[in-house]
Protein backbone atom coordinates (compact mmCIF):
# COMPACT_ATOMS: atom_id res chain seq x y z
CA MET A 1 290.05 190.08 111.01
CA LYS A 2 293.23 188.19 110.18
CA VAL A 3 293.67 184.51 111.07
CA SER A 4 296.81 182.38 111.22
CA ILE A 5 297.07 178.60 111.32
CA ILE A 6 300.28 177.30 112.88
CA GLY A 7 300.86 173.73 111.74
CA CYS A 8 298.82 173.38 108.57
CA GLY A 9 298.61 169.58 108.44
CA LYS A 10 295.41 167.59 107.81
CA MET A 11 293.24 169.35 110.40
CA GLY A 12 294.90 172.68 109.71
CA GLU A 13 294.13 172.32 106.02
CA SER A 14 290.52 171.42 106.88
CA LEU A 15 290.29 174.67 108.83
CA LEU A 16 291.86 176.55 105.94
CA LYS A 17 289.34 175.17 103.45
CA GLY A 18 286.50 175.83 105.87
CA LEU A 19 287.51 179.45 106.41
CA LEU A 20 287.69 180.09 102.68
CA ASN A 21 284.28 178.46 102.20
CA LYS A 22 282.91 180.71 104.96
CA GLY A 23 283.95 183.78 103.00
CA PHE A 24 287.26 184.66 104.63
CA LYS A 25 289.58 186.41 102.18
CA GLU A 26 292.79 184.71 101.08
CA SER A 27 294.66 187.89 102.02
CA ASP A 28 293.40 187.58 105.62
CA ILE A 29 294.72 184.05 106.18
CA PHE A 30 298.29 183.05 107.02
CA ILE A 31 299.63 179.51 107.45
CA THR A 32 302.84 177.92 108.64
CA THR A 33 304.29 174.49 107.94
CA LYS A 34 307.51 172.73 108.88
CA THR A 35 308.75 172.25 105.34
CA ALA A 36 309.04 174.68 102.45
CA THR A 37 307.87 171.99 100.01
CA HIS A 38 304.56 171.45 101.79
CA LEU A 39 304.10 175.19 102.24
CA LYS A 40 304.62 175.82 98.52
CA LYS A 41 301.92 173.28 97.62
CA LEU A 42 299.41 174.82 100.02
CA LEU A 43 300.11 178.39 98.92
CA GLU A 44 299.69 177.43 95.27
CA ARG A 45 296.47 175.55 96.01
CA TYR A 46 294.75 178.09 98.26
CA LYS A 47 296.39 181.43 97.35
CA VAL A 48 296.85 182.43 101.00
CA MET A 49 299.97 183.79 102.68
CA GLY A 50 302.45 181.71 104.63
CA SER A 51 305.88 180.95 106.04
CA THR A 52 307.95 178.20 107.62
CA GLU A 53 308.61 180.55 110.56
CA ASN A 54 305.88 180.38 113.23
CA ILE A 55 306.68 183.83 114.58
CA ASP A 56 305.52 185.30 111.25
CA ALA A 57 302.02 184.01 112.00
CA LEU A 58 301.85 186.09 115.18
CA LYS A 59 303.12 189.18 113.39
CA PHE A 60 300.37 188.79 110.78
CA SER A 61 297.20 187.98 112.67
CA ASP A 62 294.75 188.84 115.44
CA ILE A 63 293.72 185.21 115.90
CA VAL A 64 296.19 182.31 115.99
CA ILE A 65 295.04 178.71 115.58
CA LEU A 66 297.51 176.24 117.04
CA SER A 67 297.19 173.02 115.04
CA ILE A 68 300.27 171.05 116.03
CA LYS A 69 300.86 167.72 117.74
CA PRO A 70 300.57 168.01 121.55
CA GLN A 71 304.09 166.67 122.04
CA ASN A 72 305.44 169.66 120.08
CA LEU A 73 304.02 172.26 122.48
CA GLU A 74 307.22 172.44 124.52
CA GLU A 75 309.29 173.10 121.42
CA ILE A 76 306.99 175.73 119.95
CA SER A 77 306.64 177.54 123.26
CA LYS A 78 310.35 178.41 123.06
CA GLU A 79 309.58 180.44 119.92
CA LEU A 80 306.26 181.99 120.87
CA THR A 81 306.06 182.43 124.66
CA GLY A 82 304.96 185.92 125.65
CA LYS A 83 304.19 187.03 122.10
CA PHE A 84 300.39 186.66 122.20
CA ASP A 85 299.65 190.09 123.67
CA GLY A 86 296.09 191.04 122.69
CA LYS A 87 295.71 188.03 120.40
CA ILE A 88 293.24 185.15 120.65
CA LEU A 89 294.87 181.72 120.78
CA ILE A 90 292.72 178.83 119.55
CA SER A 91 294.20 175.44 120.41
CA ILE A 92 293.14 172.10 118.94
CA LEU A 93 295.80 170.20 120.87
CA ALA A 94 294.29 167.04 122.35
CA GLY A 95 294.71 166.66 126.10
CA ILE A 96 296.29 170.09 126.68
CA SER A 97 294.34 172.20 129.19
CA ILE A 98 293.88 175.96 129.04
CA LYS A 99 296.04 176.29 132.16
CA ASN A 100 298.80 174.34 130.46
CA LEU A 101 298.56 176.54 127.37
CA LYS A 102 298.69 179.70 129.46
CA ASP A 103 301.67 178.43 131.42
CA HIS A 104 303.59 177.54 128.27
CA LEU A 105 302.67 180.45 125.99
CA LYS A 106 301.70 183.23 128.43
CA ALA A 107 298.57 183.97 126.38
CA LYS A 108 295.64 185.66 128.14
CA LYS A 109 292.85 184.94 125.64
CA VAL A 110 292.75 181.20 125.08
CA VAL A 111 290.26 178.88 123.40
CA ARG A 112 290.54 175.13 123.77
CA CYS A 113 288.59 173.09 121.25
CA MET A 114 288.42 169.59 119.83
CA PRO A 115 287.05 169.05 116.32
CA ASN A 116 286.35 165.48 115.21
CA LEU A 117 287.24 163.57 112.06
CA PRO A 118 284.20 164.59 109.93
CA SER A 119 285.42 168.18 110.33
CA ARG A 120 287.74 167.37 107.45
CA ILE A 121 284.73 167.59 105.11
CA GLY A 122 282.91 170.38 106.97
CA LYS A 123 280.49 167.96 108.67
CA GLY A 124 282.10 167.74 112.08
CA ILE A 125 281.20 168.76 115.59
CA THR A 126 283.59 170.84 117.71
CA VAL A 127 283.33 171.16 121.48
CA TRP A 128 285.05 174.25 122.90
CA THR A 129 285.55 176.53 125.86
CA ASP A 130 287.60 179.64 126.58
CA SER A 131 289.32 181.82 129.13
CA GLY A 132 289.59 185.61 128.91
CA LEU A 133 287.29 186.23 125.91
CA ASN A 134 284.37 188.64 125.81
CA GLU A 135 281.08 187.94 124.04
CA GLU A 136 282.13 189.60 120.79
CA GLU A 137 285.33 187.56 120.69
CA ARG A 138 283.40 184.35 121.38
CA ASN A 139 281.16 185.10 118.40
CA ILE A 140 284.24 185.49 116.20
CA VAL A 141 285.61 182.15 117.43
CA LYS A 142 282.23 180.53 116.83
CA LYS A 143 282.29 181.73 113.22
CA ILE A 144 285.74 180.21 112.74
CA LEU A 145 284.84 176.87 114.32
CA SER A 146 281.55 176.67 112.43
CA SER A 147 283.63 176.41 109.26
CA LEU A 148 284.23 172.79 110.33
CA GLY A 149 280.55 171.99 110.89
CA GLU A 150 278.53 172.31 114.11
CA ASP A 151 279.97 173.55 117.41
CA VAL A 152 279.08 173.25 121.09
CA TYR A 153 280.32 175.72 123.72
CA VAL A 154 280.79 174.40 127.27
CA GLU A 155 281.38 176.43 130.42
CA LYS A 156 283.63 173.94 132.18
CA GLY A 157 287.04 172.97 130.87
CA GLU A 158 286.68 169.38 132.07
CA PHE A 159 283.70 168.98 129.73
CA ILE A 160 286.14 169.19 126.82
CA ASP A 161 287.73 165.89 127.81
CA ILE A 162 284.33 164.25 128.28
CA GLY A 163 283.09 165.67 124.98
CA THR A 164 286.23 164.47 123.23
CA SER A 165 285.57 160.91 124.38
CA LEU A 166 282.14 161.16 122.71
CA SER A 167 282.57 163.20 119.54
CA GLY A 168 286.32 162.86 119.13
CA SER A 169 286.50 159.09 119.53
CA GLY A 170 282.92 158.53 118.39
CA PRO A 171 283.53 158.24 114.64
CA ALA A 172 285.76 155.19 115.19
CA TYR A 173 282.93 153.45 117.07
CA ILE A 174 280.46 154.39 114.34
CA PHE A 175 282.78 152.96 111.68
CA LEU A 176 283.23 149.79 113.72
CA PHE A 177 279.45 149.44 114.11
CA LEU A 178 278.90 150.01 110.38
CA LYS A 179 281.61 147.52 109.50
CA SER A 180 279.95 144.92 111.72
CA MET A 181 276.56 145.57 110.10
CA SER A 182 277.89 145.41 106.56
CA ASP A 183 280.07 142.37 107.31
CA ALA A 184 276.96 140.58 108.57
CA GLY A 185 275.16 141.39 105.33
CA VAL A 186 278.06 140.08 103.28
CA TYR A 187 278.21 136.93 105.42
CA LEU A 188 274.54 136.32 104.66
CA GLY A 189 275.13 136.71 100.94
CA LEU A 190 274.76 140.39 100.01
CA PRO A 191 277.35 142.06 97.76
CA ARG A 192 279.65 144.35 99.78
CA GLU A 193 278.50 147.52 97.98
CA ILE A 194 274.82 146.85 98.71
CA SER A 195 275.47 145.83 102.31
CA GLU A 196 277.46 149.00 103.02
CA LYS A 197 274.83 151.24 101.42
CA LEU A 198 272.02 149.64 103.44
CA SER A 199 274.04 150.00 106.66
CA GLU A 200 275.10 153.60 106.07
CA GLU A 201 271.70 154.89 104.95
CA THR A 202 270.07 153.17 107.93
CA VAL A 203 272.29 155.11 110.34
CA ILE A 204 271.95 158.43 108.50
CA GLY A 205 268.18 158.09 108.20
CA SER A 206 267.76 157.09 111.83
CA VAL A 207 269.59 160.20 113.06
CA LEU A 208 267.55 162.47 110.79
CA LEU A 209 264.32 160.79 111.92
CA LYS A 210 265.15 161.33 115.61
CA ARG A 211 265.80 165.01 114.96
CA GLU A 212 262.62 165.41 112.93
CA LEU A 213 260.40 163.69 115.50
CA LYS A 214 262.18 165.29 118.50
CA LYS A 215 261.87 162.06 120.46
CA THR A 216 264.25 160.43 122.92
CA TYR A 217 266.19 157.30 122.08
CA ASP A 218 264.06 155.33 124.55
CA GLU A 219 260.89 156.42 122.74
CA LEU A 220 262.28 155.26 119.41
CA ILE A 221 263.63 151.88 120.52
């Protein structure tokens, strides 16, 4: 199974690292970037194959991960439309529906997913859905997405947008909450380092406790 990542920026590089950690061979991974300088650094660091030409990614692989900015879809569709015959397209473009992807790229097997920020360290959660895949192909996609952390499959495409508002935007709210907690500790006289540690470990421990006890939030409040 050969996998390509088109647009190997921050999230693309997280996927690349995750795939290698999952046991994918360097020779089975292909990446593309806009600039030759960035590409050279990534190829030297990860020993995979790559190009600055996106069409090379489709020639190489069975599965293509589209990791570009949503506003660049129109531009990239001019290069790649109609060239996904038999291939699985995995999109991590925020706000772009499967219908939109199919209309632009004429792909038949499409996965829409949204990893969140902790995916960059392999501790994320990815919500995803698909169109046109069979069970075996879904299992392959699940293996790829699990390289970023946990994953949740949903039947309805609209659940992706709802899920994104929770898990995609969620880390920012968690950071804001933790900042407020630690700021309060500092205001009351604690050193910043101690206040942050107390706040962070309280949140981490609380989540682990809920999972261990298998209780609802209402039961724990």
